[in-house]
């Protein structure tokens, strides 16, 4: 790749021709249709200095036969995934006892080494034990012989539960072959972790692949997700990479104008974790505004059918086991990292339900959490219908998912992975996104030392909750900036890049990932901001004409 020795400029390389036709979203992009981050992102400019500086004006873009942008970004993702596995490696160490090798989590090593993962202790529980007939069929006792004794089943949504069960049986098979000397021996829970992480890594690579194709003109934005510190810390903390793969692939299918396939993928993702189903709301609202409601309804119907095909067999055969996920989430109290717990800790407030006995349902908290989320969704829907320019799909999806995380009584640390691909699509500002990712990933350290307990020289709860507040404040700041760019679409970097390439006014372009919505005219718009935006645009045009006449 050649670089330019010309003085630094704040303008990108000129577009050959510079016509509006160059902005058409075709199957093949020329060099002039691509946005180089070394010309548009200050952080990318600084990072490029050791490698020769900004992309040269005459560099041959898009002509590499092997090291394409997709392969480079996937390579970066593989390196981060390898580092993420090494980050969890201390929790795989074993030691010998009279009963054979045991997992070395002595002295709370999983917290002091900060390598804790939910995956390793999952193996061996009643729903994944070697003698388990089927996880949603077989029950097990939690805290047997104590007043807290409770009958339990698989606590994950169906697709994630089946994923765990298959990996557990694969680990059992490996252990059996190892006993005959045909494979290297290892503790079965460690085998289960490594088999699971192999497939989770593949799922995250699918997420990156779909994100690269969604970014297209700003393809290097996807590198932010590939090297995200949140991936380094949390991709192997739980099983959420499955949902991000299906959810992001569903958005790609919608962008490729395949609404039924998009619905199927979103529905499958919803059977792994519920969050991909939140994409359907923004789809419906934007399609309503664009007069394409029938296409969005096809996606919703396809998502419902896909979700039901996965869930109904388990519901019919093992209804009690199927309901376990919903029962636990209903009975769960405010987690340590929720805003409700932050308020209770710093104000001394007893919570909406007051002190609860073990196993009691926080009815008021559940109602308040749901009501706040629904109000936030209504606000996002209203914004979508009054904005001067129809918002981009990724912007609304980010707002809805962030609203769920902020209003929900549970924000498990790996949930932040949900926002990574959406953030790259919604607000591709490198320094801001990386700042949020670093802060969010850094919350892992005080979390681990809070779990360690003050008796073991851990952190007091207030220190951990202070980090949670900073993380939440960063997510709120991202939401505020997205709302600002929806109201002022000329400030949207995605649309500004399209306008720059097409020689048109910023904000004049639609959503490059909007699929059938992209480029369509509005059919239903509520009065308010939209009217104000049109008046402001008209006023700006008249002022420009007056200035030209004076000259």
Protein backbone atom coordinates (compact mmCIF):
# COMPACT_ATOMS: atom_id res chain seq x y z
CA UNK A 1 0.00 0.00 0.00
CA UNK A 2 1.46 3.32 -1.04
CA UNK A 3 1.27 6.36 1.16
CA UNK A 4 1.36 10.03 0.41
CA UNK A 5 4.12 12.37 1.51
CA UNK A 6 1.93 15.43 0.95
CA UNK A 7 1.16 17.71 3.91
CA UNK A 8 -1.62 16.55 6.19
CA UNK A 9 -5.10 17.60 5.14
CA UNK A 10 -8.43 17.42 6.86
CA UNK A 11 -10.18 16.43 3.63
CA UNK A 12 -10.34 12.86 2.32
CA UNK A 13 -8.92 11.81 -1.02
CA UNK A 14 -11.06 13.24 -3.80
CA UNK A 15 -13.66 11.05 -5.41
CA UNK A 16 -13.09 10.47 -9.13
CA UNK A 17 -16.06 11.97 -10.85
CA UNK A 18 -17.70 13.05 -7.59
CA UNK A 19 -21.16 12.42 -8.99
CA UNK A 20 -24.25 11.41 -7.09
CA UNK A 21 -24.20 8.05 -8.83
CA UNK A 22 -21.08 7.10 -6.91
CA UNK A 23 -23.20 6.97 -3.76
CA UNK A 24 -25.47 4.24 -5.09
CA UNK A 25 -25.16 1.15 -2.92
CA UNK A 26 -24.14 -1.42 -5.52
CA UNK A 27 -22.70 -4.90 -5.14
CA UNK A 28 -19.21 -3.67 -5.97
CA UNK A 29 -17.57 -0.63 -4.42
CA UNK A 30 -14.82 1.31 -6.09
CA UNK A 31 -11.98 3.07 -4.26
CA UNK A 32 -13.91 6.35 -4.31
CA UNK A 33 -16.88 4.70 -2.56
CA UNK A 34 -14.87 3.60 0.48
CA UNK A 35 -14.23 5.74 3.55
CA UNK A 36 -10.68 5.56 4.84
CA UNK A 37 -10.53 5.94 8.64
CA UNK A 38 -7.06 7.48 8.41
CA UNK A 39 -8.72 10.48 6.75
CA UNK A 40 -11.81 10.73 8.92
CA UNK A 41 -10.86 9.45 12.39
CA UNK A 42 -8.20 11.24 14.48
CA UNK A 43 -7.47 8.03 16.39
CA UNK A 44 -6.90 6.08 13.17
CA UNK A 45 -4.60 8.85 11.95
CA UNK A 46 -2.42 8.52 15.04
CA UNK A 47 -2.39 4.72 14.88
CA UNK A 48 -1.31 4.85 11.22
CA UNK A 49 1.83 6.91 11.89
CA UNK A 50 4.13 3.91 12.62
CA UNK A 51 2.97 2.37 9.33
CA UNK A 52 3.54 5.34 7.05
CA UNK A 53 0.65 7.63 7.89
CA UNK A 54 -2.61 8.22 6.11
CA UNK A 55 -3.76 6.30 3.09
CA UNK A 56 -2.14 7.81 0.01
CA UNK A 57 -4.21 9.68 -2.53
CA UNK A 58 -3.13 7.24 -5.26
CA UNK A 59 -3.13 4.05 -3.18
CA UNK A 60 -4.62 0.99 -4.85
CA UNK A 61 -7.67 0.33 -2.69
CA UNK A 62 -9.65 -2.88 -2.96
CA UNK A 63 -7.20 -4.67 -5.28
CA UNK A 64 -5.48 -7.00 -2.80
CA UNK A 65 -6.10 -10.58 -3.88
CA UNK A 66 -5.66 -12.11 -0.42
CA UNK A 67 -5.35 -9.55 2.38
CA UNK A 68 -8.77 -8.04 1.88
CA UNK A 69 -10.28 -5.87 4.58
CA UNK A 70 -12.56 -8.74 5.60
CA UNK A 71 -9.65 -11.13 6.11
CA UNK A 72 -7.56 -8.57 7.98
CA UNK A 73 -10.43 -7.78 10.34
CA UNK A 74 -11.15 -11.49 10.87
CA UNK A 75 -7.45 -12.02 11.64
CA UNK A 76 -7.62 -9.26 14.25
CA UNK A 77 -10.69 -10.96 15.72
CA UNK A 78 -8.89 -14.32 15.87
CA UNK A 79 -5.94 -12.75 17.71
CA UNK A 80 -8.26 -11.13 20.27
CA UNK A 81 -10.17 -14.39 20.70
CA UNK A 82 -6.90 -16.22 21.35
CA UNK A 83 -5.97 -13.59 23.93
CA UNK A 84 -9.44 -13.95 25.48
CA UNK A 85 -8.90 -17.70 25.87
CA UNK A 86 -5.52 -17.08 27.51
CA UNK A 87 -7.20 -14.59 29.84
CA UNK A 88 -9.44 -17.43 31.09
CA UNK A 89 -6.61 -20.00 31.08
CA UNK A 90 -5.68 -19.68 34.81
CA UNK A 91 -9.15 -20.97 35.68
CA UNK A 92 -8.45 -24.20 33.77
CA UNK A 93 -5.49 -25.25 35.92
CA UNK A 94 -5.97 -28.46 37.93
CA UNK A 95 -4.20 -30.10 40.86
CA UNK A 96 -4.00 -33.70 42.03
CA UNK A 97 -5.97 -35.01 45.01
CA UNK A 98 -6.88 -38.44 46.40
CA UNK A 99 -10.02 -38.27 44.26
CA UNK A 100 -8.05 -37.44 41.13
CA UNK A 101 -7.50 -34.09 39.39
CA UNK A 102 -9.59 -31.19 40.67
CA UNK A 103 -10.10 -27.68 39.38
CA UNK A 104 -7.69 -25.31 41.12
CA UNK A 105 -10.05 -22.58 42.28
CA UNK A 106 -8.59 -22.65 45.76
CA UNK A 107 -8.31 -19.38 47.68
CA UNK A 108 -10.83 -17.81 45.28
CA UNK A 109 -8.36 -17.96 42.42
CA UNK A 110 -11.15 -17.35 39.90
CA UNK A 111 -11.54 -13.86 41.38
CA UNK A 112 -7.96 -12.93 42.21
CA UNK A 113 -6.81 -13.98 38.72
CA UNK A 114 -9.98 -12.37 37.25
CA UNK A 115 -10.43 -15.41 35.01
CA UNK A 116 -13.90 -16.34 36.21
CA UNK A 117 -16.27 -17.76 33.62
CA UNK A 118 -19.78 -19.17 33.98
CA UNK A 119 -18.95 -21.93 31.52
CA UNK A 120 -16.60 -24.09 33.62
CA UNK A 121 -18.86 -24.46 36.69
CA UNK A 122 -21.85 -25.16 34.42
CA UNK A 123 -20.54 -28.66 33.74
CA UNK A 124 -21.37 -31.14 36.47
CA UNK A 125 -24.56 -29.44 37.63
CA UNK A 126 -27.70 -31.55 37.53
CA UNK A 127 -28.75 -30.39 34.08
CA UNK A 128 -25.35 -31.14 32.49
CA UNK A 129 -24.10 -34.06 34.60
CA UNK A 130 -22.90 -37.17 32.73
CA UNK A 131 -26.04 -39.11 33.74
CA UNK A 132 -28.43 -36.36 32.63
CA UNK A 133 -31.09 -37.74 30.30
CA UNK A 134 -32.01 -34.33 28.90
CA UNK A 135 -31.53 -30.92 30.53
CA UNK A 136 -35.14 -29.71 30.39
CA UNK A 137 -36.39 -33.12 31.50
CA UNK A 138 -33.96 -33.90 34.32
CA UNK A 139 -34.27 -31.93 37.55
CA UNK A 140 -31.71 -31.48 40.30
CA UNK A 141 -31.63 -30.14 43.84
CA UNK A 142 -30.00 -26.85 44.69
CA UNK A 143 -28.77 -26.48 48.30
CA UNK A 144 -29.96 -29.99 49.29
CA UNK A 145 -30.70 -30.53 52.95
CA UNK A 146 -31.00 -26.81 53.75
CA UNK A 147 -33.99 -24.47 54.11
CA UNK A 148 -33.05 -23.05 50.71
CA UNK A 149 -33.42 -26.45 48.98
CA UNK A 150 -35.06 -26.02 45.59
CA UNK A 151 -35.81 -28.16 42.54
CA UNK A 152 -34.00 -26.78 39.52
CA UNK A 153 -33.90 -27.34 35.76
CA UNK A 154 -31.86 -25.88 32.89
CA UNK A 155 -31.96 -22.12 33.46
CA UNK A 156 -31.08 -20.93 29.93
CA UNK A 157 -33.26 -20.35 26.84
CA UNK A 158 -33.75 -23.44 24.72
CA UNK A 159 -31.11 -22.93 22.03
CA UNK A 160 -28.42 -22.01 24.57
CA UNK A 161 -29.45 -24.93 26.77
CA UNK A 162 -29.21 -27.40 23.89
CA UNK A 163 -25.85 -25.90 22.93
CA UNK A 164 -24.55 -26.57 26.44
CA UNK A 165 -25.95 -30.10 26.54
CA UNK A 166 -24.37 -31.07 23.21
CA UNK A 167 -20.99 -29.69 24.31
CA UNK A 168 -21.26 -31.55 27.63
CA UNK A 169 -21.90 -34.83 25.85
CA UNK A 170 -18.96 -34.12 23.53
CA UNK A 171 -16.76 -33.57 26.59
CA UNK A 172 -17.98 -36.87 28.05
CA UNK A 173 -17.09 -38.61 24.80
CA UNK A 174 -13.62 -37.07 24.81
CA UNK A 175 -13.10 -38.20 28.42
CA UNK A 176 -14.19 -41.75 27.52
CA UNK A 177 -11.76 -41.95 24.61
CA UNK A 178 -9.03 -40.46 26.79
CA UNK A 179 -9.56 -43.26 29.33
CA UNK A 180 -8.54 -45.73 26.59
CA UNK A 181 -5.47 -43.66 25.76
CA UNK A 182 -6.81 -42.53 22.40
CA UNK A 183 -6.95 -38.81 23.32
CA UNK A 184 -5.06 -36.62 25.81
CA UNK A 185 -6.74 -36.75 29.23
CA UNK A 186 -8.11 -33.66 30.97
CA UNK A 187 -10.66 -32.72 33.58
CA UNK A 188 -14.07 -33.04 31.96
CA UNK A 189 -15.20 -29.55 33.03
CA UNK A 190 -12.10 -28.11 31.34
CA UNK A 191 -12.84 -30.14 28.21
CA UNK A 192 -16.37 -28.78 28.27
CA UNK A 193 -15.05 -25.22 28.52
CA UNK A 194 -12.68 -25.64 25.59
CA UNK A 195 -15.25 -27.31 23.35
CA UNK A 196 -17.74 -24.54 24.17
CA UNK A 197 -15.23 -21.75 23.56
CA UNK A 198 -14.33 -23.21 20.17
CA UNK A 199 -17.93 -22.80 19.00
CA UNK A 200 -18.35 -19.45 20.75
CA UNK A 201 -15.25 -18.17 18.95
CA UNK A 202 -16.76 -19.35 15.66
CA UNK A 203 -20.01 -17.54 16.55
CA UNK A 204 -18.14 -14.31 17.24
CA UNK A 205 -16.30 -14.60 13.92
CA UNK A 206 -19.71 -14.90 12.24
CA UNK A 207 -20.69 -11.71 14.09
CA UNK A 208 -17.63 -9.91 12.73
CA UNK A 209 -18.18 -11.27 9.22
CA UNK A 210 -21.75 -10.00 9.18
CA UNK A 211 -20.67 -6.67 10.66
CA UNK A 212 -18.01 -6.16 7.98
CA UNK A 213 -20.62 -6.70 5.27
CA UNK A 214 -23.00 -4.33 7.03
CA UNK A 215 -20.38 -1.58 7.32
CA UNK A 216 -19.33 -1.81 3.64
CA UNK A 217 -18.36 1.80 2.84
CA UNK A 218 -16.95 2.27 6.34
CA UNK A 219 -15.66 -1.29 6.47
CA UNK A 220 -12.82 -0.56 8.89
CA UNK A 221 -15.31 0.46 11.56
CA UNK A 222 -15.85 -3.27 12.06
CA UNK A 223 -12.28 -3.50 13.35
CA UNK A 224 -13.52 -1.76 16.51
CA UNK A 225 -15.64 -4.82 17.28
CA UNK A 226 -12.84 -7.20 16.31
CA UNK A 227 -10.38 -5.67 18.79
CA UNK A 228 -12.92 -4.65 21.42
CA UNK A 229 -11.73 -4.97 25.04
CA UNK A 230 -15.23 -6.24 25.84
CA UNK A 231 -14.58 -9.24 23.60
CA UNK A 232 -11.26 -9.88 25.32
CA UNK A 233 -12.93 -9.95 28.74
CA UNK A 234 -16.42 -11.35 28.11
CA UNK A 235 -16.68 -13.42 24.94
CA UNK A 236 -15.95 -16.56 27.01
CA UNK A 237 -17.65 -15.40 30.21
CA UNK A 238 -20.98 -16.83 29.07
CA UNK A 239 -22.74 -17.96 25.89
CA UNK A 240 -23.92 -14.60 24.48
CA UNK A 241 -21.81 -14.83 21.31
CA UNK A 242 -24.45 -17.23 19.95
CA UNK A 243 -27.11 -14.52 20.08
CA UNK A 244 -24.85 -11.82 18.64
CA UNK A 245 -24.06 -14.07 15.66
CA UNK A 246 -27.69 -14.69 14.78
CA UNK A 247 -28.78 -11.14 15.59
CA UNK A 248 -26.09 -9.47 13.48
CA UNK A 249 -26.64 -11.95 10.65
CA UNK A 250 -30.34 -11.10 10.82
CA UNK A 251 -29.55 -7.41 10.38
CA UNK A 252 -27.34 -8.32 7.40
CA UNK A 253 -30.18 -10.32 5.83
CA UNK A 254 -32.48 -7.30 6.25
CA UNK A 255 -29.84 -5.04 4.68
CA UNK A 256 -29.69 -7.48 1.74
CA UNK A 257 -33.48 -7.08 1.29
CA UNK A 258 -34.37 -10.58 2.52
CA UNK A 259 -36.96 -9.89 5.24
CA UNK A 260 -38.05 -13.51 5.74
CA UNK A 261 -34.47 -14.74 6.25
CA UNK A 262 -33.86 -11.78 8.54
CA UNK A 263 -36.85 -12.77 10.66
CA UNK A 264 -35.75 -16.40 10.81
CA UNK A 265 -32.25 -15.48 12.00
CA UNK A 266 -33.58 -12.99 14.54
CA UNK A 267 -36.03 -15.61 15.82
CA UNK A 268 -33.25 -18.18 16.20
CA UNK A 269 -31.15 -15.59 18.01
CA UNK A 270 -34.10 -14.91 20.30
CA UNK A 271 -34.15 -18.61 21.18
CA UNK A 272 -30.55 -18.21 22.41
CA UNK A 273 -30.99 -14.88 24.26
CA UNK A 274 -34.05 -12.66 24.01
CA UNK A 275 -32.27 -9.47 22.95
CA UNK A 276 -32.32 -10.02 19.11
CA UNK A 277 -36.12 -9.94 19.32
CA UNK A 278 -35.82 -6.28 20.34
CA UNK A 279 -34.76 -5.51 16.75
CA UNK A 280 -38.30 -6.19 15.55
CA UNK A 281 -39.75 -3.08 17.19
CA UNK A 282 -37.48 -0.63 15.32
CA UNK A 283 -38.12 -2.57 12.11
CA UNK A 284 -41.87 -2.16 12.49
CA UNK A 285 -41.73 1.56 13.33
CA UNK A 286 -39.35 2.44 10.50
CA UNK A 287 -41.35 0.33 8.04
CA UNK A 288 -44.54 2.09 9.17
CA UNK A 289 -42.96 5.46 8.48
CA UNK A 290 -41.72 4.30 5.06
CA UNK A 291 -44.95 2.59 4.04
CA UNK A 292 -43.29 -0.84 4.03
CA UNK A 293 -45.13 -2.32 6.98
CA UNK A 294 -46.03 -5.52 5.09
CA UNK A 295 -42.35 -6.41 4.64
CA UNK A 296 -41.60 -5.80 8.31
CA UNK A 297 -44.57 -7.94 9.31
CA UNK A 298 -43.15 -10.76 7.20
CA UNK A 299 -39.96 -10.52 9.24
CA UNK A 300 -41.90 -10.51 12.51
CA UNK A 301 -43.94 -13.53 11.41
CA UNK A 302 -40.82 -15.40 10.31
CA UNK A 303 -39.14 -14.60 13.66
CA UNK A 304 -42.16 -15.86 15.56
CA UNK A 305 -42.29 -19.09 13.56
CA UNK A 306 -38.55 -19.72 14.01
CA UNK A 307 -38.74 -19.04 17.75
CA UNK A 308 -41.79 -21.29 18.15
CA UNK A 309 -40.29 -24.16 16.16
CA UNK A 310 -37.36 -24.23 18.59
CA UNK A 311 -39.33 -23.67 21.78
CA UNK A 312 -42.66 -25.47 21.32
CA UNK A 313 -41.26 -29.06 21.32
CA UNK A 314 -39.54 -28.43 24.67
CA UNK A 315 -42.59 -26.61 26.01
CA UNK A 316 -44.90 -29.50 25.10
CA UNK A 317 -42.62 -32.30 26.28
CA UNK A 318 -41.10 -30.65 29.37
CA UNK A 319 -43.24 -27.64 30.34
CA UNK A 320 -41.80 -27.26 33.85
CA UNK A 321 -38.22 -27.33 32.59
CA UNK A 322 -39.02 -24.89 29.76
CA UNK A 323 -40.51 -22.39 32.21
CA UNK A 324 -37.43 -22.45 34.46
CA UNK A 325 -35.71 -19.60 32.57
CA UNK A 326 -38.76 -17.37 32.90
CA UNK A 327 -39.39 -18.40 36.53
CA UNK A 328 -35.85 -17.55 37.61
CA UNK A 329 -35.90 -14.18 35.85
CA UNK A 330 -39.24 -13.39 37.45
CA UNK A 331 -38.07 -14.31 40.98
CA UNK A 332 -34.63 -12.75 40.63
CA UNK A 333 -34.02 -9.66 42.74
CA UNK A 334 -32.01 -6.63 41.62
CA UNK A 335 -28.51 -7.74 40.69
CA UNK A 336 -25.47 -5.95 42.17
CA UNK A 337 -24.79 -4.18 38.86
CA UNK A 338 -28.29 -2.79 38.32
CA UNK A 339 -29.20 0.86 38.85
CA UNK A 340 -31.79 -0.24 41.40
CA UNK A 341 -29.09 -1.76 43.58
CA UNK A 342 -26.97 1.37 43.11
CA UNK A 343 -29.83 3.47 44.48
CA UNK A 344 -30.42 1.10 47.38
CA UNK A 345 -26.76 1.07 48.37
CA UNK A 346 -26.02 4.78 48.20
CA UNK A 347 -29.36 6.01 49.59
CA UNK A 348 -30.24 3.29 52.10
CA UNK A 349 -33.53 2.73 50.26
CA UNK A 350 -35.11 -0.71 50.92
CA UNK A 351 -36.23 -1.13 47.31
CA UNK A 352 -39.68 -1.24 45.75
CA UNK A 353 -40.64 -4.49 47.50
CA UNK A 354 -38.73 -3.99 50.75
CA UNK A 355 -36.94 -6.94 52.37
CA UNK A 356 -37.89 -10.23 50.71
CA UNK A 357 -37.54 -13.79 51.93
CA UNK A 358 -35.59 -16.33 49.87
CA UNK A 359 -37.47 -17.30 46.73
CA UNK A 360 -39.99 -14.46 46.98
CA UNK A 361 -40.87 -12.62 43.77
CA UNK A 362 -40.08 -8.87 43.62
CA UNK A 363 -43.44 -8.07 42.03
CA UNK A 364 -43.21 -4.29 42.23
CA UNK A 365 -39.63 -4.23 40.93
CA UNK A 366 -40.63 -6.42 37.99
CA UNK A 367 -43.55 -4.13 37.16
CA UNK A 368 -41.48 -0.94 37.45
CA UNK A 369 -38.64 -2.37 35.37
CA UNK A 370 -41.04 -3.48 32.64
CA UNK A 371 -42.92 -0.17 32.69
CA UNK A 372 -39.72 1.87 32.39
CA UNK A 373 -38.55 -0.24 29.46
CA UNK A 374 -41.90 0.09 27.68
CA UNK A 375 -41.89 3.86 28.22
CA UNK A 376 -38.36 4.02 26.78
CA UNK A 377 -39.48 1.97 23.77
CA UNK A 378 -42.43 4.30 23.23
CA UNK A 379 -40.03 7.23 23.36
CA UNK A 380 -37.77 5.61 20.76
CA UNK A 381 -40.80 4.90 18.56
CA UNK A 382 -42.00 8.49 18.87
CA UNK A 383 -38.53 9.76 17.97
CA UNK A 384 -38.49 7.52 14.89
CA UNK A 385 -41.76 9.02 13.67
CA UNK A 386 -41.00 12.71 14.35
CA UNK A 387 -37.32 12.89 13.33
CA UNK A 388 -36.61 15.20 10.35
CA UNK A 389 -35.00 12.29 8.51
CA UNK A 390 -35.95 8.66 9.04
CA UNK A 391 -33.43 7.24 11.57
CA UNK A 392 -31.12 4.43 10.64
CA UNK A 393 -32.12 0.97 11.86
CA UNK A 394 -28.93 0.44 13.87
CA UNK A 395 -29.49 3.71 15.74
CA UNK A 396 -32.90 2.62 16.99
CA UNK A 397 -31.73 -0.93 17.78
CA UNK A 398 -28.91 0.46 19.93
CA UNK A 399 -31.31 2.76 21.78
CA UNK A 400 -33.78 -0.06 22.50
CA UNK A 401 -31.16 -2.56 23.68
CA UNK A 402 -29.43 0.10 25.80
CA UNK A 403 -32.79 1.05 27.31
CA UNK A 404 -33.39 -2.58 28.25
CA UNK A 405 -29.99 -2.88 29.93
CA UNK A 406 -30.38 0.38 31.84
CA UNK A 407 -33.93 -0.30 33.06
CA UNK A 408 -33.61 -4.04 33.65
CA UNK A 409 -32.97 -5.43 37.12
CA UNK A 410 -30.11 -7.53 35.72
CA UNK A 411 -27.09 -6.41 33.69
CA UNK A 412 -24.80 -9.41 33.61
CA UNK A 413 -21.33 -8.31 32.47
CA UNK A 414 -21.42 -10.26 29.20
CA UNK A 415 -24.62 -8.45 28.17
CA UNK A 416 -22.41 -5.54 27.09
CA UNK A 417 -21.40 -7.67 24.09
CA UNK A 418 -24.89 -7.05 22.70
CA UNK A 419 -24.06 -3.38 22.20
CA UNK A 420 -20.71 -3.86 20.45
CA UNK A 421 -21.89 -4.54 16.85
CA UNK A 422 -24.83 -2.17 17.26
CA UNK A 423 -22.54 0.59 18.53
CA UNK A 424 -20.21 0.22 15.54
CA UNK A 425 -23.16 0.57 13.16
CA UNK A 426 -25.01 3.28 15.06
CA UNK A 427 -22.26 5.68 16.10
CA UNK A 428 -18.91 4.92 14.43
CA UNK A 429 -16.84 7.44 16.37
CA UNK A 430 -13.66 5.57 17.17
CA UNK A 431 -12.39 7.39 20.23
CA UNK A 432 -15.80 7.51 21.86
CA UNK A 433 -16.61 3.84 21.23
CA UNK A 434 -13.22 2.61 22.38
CA UNK A 435 -13.46 4.78 25.50
CA UNK A 436 -16.80 3.20 26.36
CA UNK A 437 -15.54 -0.32 25.65
CA UNK A 438 -12.44 0.17 27.80
CA UNK A 439 -14.48 1.56 30.70
CA UNK A 440 -17.08 -1.19 30.44
CA UNK A 441 -14.45 -3.92 30.26
CA UNK A 442 -12.54 -2.38 33.19
CA UNK A 443 -15.60 -2.85 35.43
CA UNK A 444 -14.62 -6.53 35.48
CA UNK A 445 -11.73 -5.86 37.87
CA UNK A 446 -13.72 -4.22 40.71
CA UNK A 447 -16.47 -6.79 40.12
CA UNK A 448 -14.09 -9.68 40.74
CA UNK A 449 -12.60 -8.12 43.85
CA UNK A 450 -16.06 -7.23 45.14
CA UNK A 451 -17.06 -10.89 44.78
CA UNK A 452 -13.88 -11.81 46.63
CA UNK A 453 -15.32 -10.17 49.74
CA UNK A 454 -13.85 -7.65 52.14
CA UNK A 455 -12.91 -10.51 54.47
CA UNK A 456 -10.50 -11.75 51.77
CA UNK A 457 -9.09 -8.28 51.09
CA UNK A 458 -11.64 -7.60 48.40
CA UNK A 459 -13.27 -4.29 47.52
CA UNK A 460 -16.24 -2.80 49.34
CA UNK A 461 -19.48 -2.77 47.39
CA UNK A 462 -19.39 1.00 46.93
CA UNK A 463 -16.22 0.86 44.83
CA UNK A 464 -17.76 -1.66 42.47
CA UNK A 465 -21.02 0.28 42.22
CA UNK A 466 -19.09 3.47 41.48
CA UNK A 467 -17.57 1.71 38.45
CA UNK A 468 -21.07 0.57 37.43
CA UNK A 469 -22.32 4.17 37.53
CA UNK A 470 -19.47 5.31 35.27
CA UNK A 471 -20.24 2.50 32.81
CA UNK A 472 -23.94 3.37 32.76
CA UNK A 473 -23.14 7.05 32.32
CA UNK A 474 -21.06 6.20 29.24
CA UNK A 475 -23.92 4.21 27.73
CA UNK A 476 -26.32 7.07 28.44
CA UNK A 477 -23.87 9.46 26.76
CA UNK A 478 -23.82 7.24 23.66
CA UNK A 479 -27.62 7.23 23.60
CA UNK A 480 -27.76 11.03 23.93
CA UNK A 481 -25.33 11.46 21.04
CA UNK A 482 -27.32 9.03 18.87
CA UNK A 483 -30.52 10.96 19.60
CA UNK A 484 -28.71 14.20 18.73
CA UNK A 485 -27.60 12.73 15.39
CA UNK A 486 -31.14 11.53 14.69
CA UNK A 487 -32.46 15.04 15.26
CA UNK A 488 -29.53 16.56 13.34
CA UNK A 489 -28.84 13.94 10.63
CA UNK A 490 -26.15 16.11 9.01
CA UNK A 491 -24.00 15.27 12.07
CA UNK A 492 -24.34 11.54 11.45
CA UNK A 493 -20.93 10.27 10.29
CA UNK A 494 -22.43 7.47 8.21
CA UNK A 495 -24.68 9.82 6.27
CA UNK A 496 -21.97 12.48 6.07
CA UNK A 497 -19.64 9.94 4.45
CA UNK A 498 -22.27 9.01 1.87
CA UNK A 499 -22.96 12.67 1.12
CA UNK A 500 -19.26 13.39 0.79
CA UNK A 501 -18.90 10.64 -1.80
CA UNK A 502 -22.04 11.62 -3.67
CA UNK A 503 -21.48 15.35 -3.69
CA UNK A 504 -24.75 15.98 -1.90
CA UNK A 505 -25.76 17.74 1.29
CA UNK A 506 -25.17 15.76 4.53
CA UNK A 507 -28.39 14.16 5.75
CA UNK A 508 -29.71 13.73 2.21
CA UNK A 509 -28.87 10.02 2.19
CA UNK A 510 -30.78 7.27 3.91
CA UNK A 511 -29.70 4.12 5.74
CA UNK A 512 -27.08 2.04 3.86
CA UNK A 513 -28.09 -0.96 6.02
CA UNK A 514 -31.81 -0.25 5.81
CA UNK A 515 -32.55 -2.83 3.14
CA UNK A 516 -35.95 -2.23 1.60
CA UNK A 517 -36.27 0.98 3.63
CA UNK A 518 -33.18 2.56 2.11
CA UNK A 519 -34.08 5.39 -0.24
CA UNK A 520 -37.85 5.08 0.18
CA UNK A 521 -40.01 8.14 0.79
CA UNK A 522 -41.79 8.69 4.08
CA UNK A 523 -45.50 7.84 4.09
CA UNK A 524 -46.33 8.54 7.73
CA UNK A 525 -44.60 11.18 9.87
CA UNK A 526 -45.84 12.75 13.08
CA UNK A 527 -45.70 16.55 13.31
CA UNK A 528 -43.04 18.10 15.49
CA UNK A 529 -39.32 17.71 15.02
CA UNK A 530 -39.75 16.58 11.42
CA UNK A 531 -41.58 19.78 10.50
CA UNK A 532 -39.00 21.84 12.39
CA UNK A 533 -36.21 20.05 10.52
CA UNK A 534 -37.81 20.81 7.16
CA UNK A 535 -38.27 24.46 8.09
CA UNK A 536 -34.66 24.68 9.24
CA UNK A 537 -33.48 23.08 5.98
CA UNK A 538 -35.62 25.47 3.92
CA UNK A 539 -34.34 28.44 5.88
CA UNK A 540 -30.77 27.35 5.36
CA UNK A 541 -31.35 27.04 1.62
CA UNK A 542 -32.95 30.50 1.42
CA UNK A 543 -30.05 32.02 3.35
CA UNK A 544 -27.64 30.45 0.92
CA UNK A 545 -29.57 31.87 -2.03
CA UNK A 546 -29.62 35.35 -0.46
CA UNK A 547 -25.88 35.19 0.13
CA UNK A 548 -25.31 34.14 -3.47
CA UNK A 549 -27.48 37.01 -4.78
CA UNK A 550 -25.48 39.51 -2.69
CA UNK A 551 -22.29 38.27 -4.25
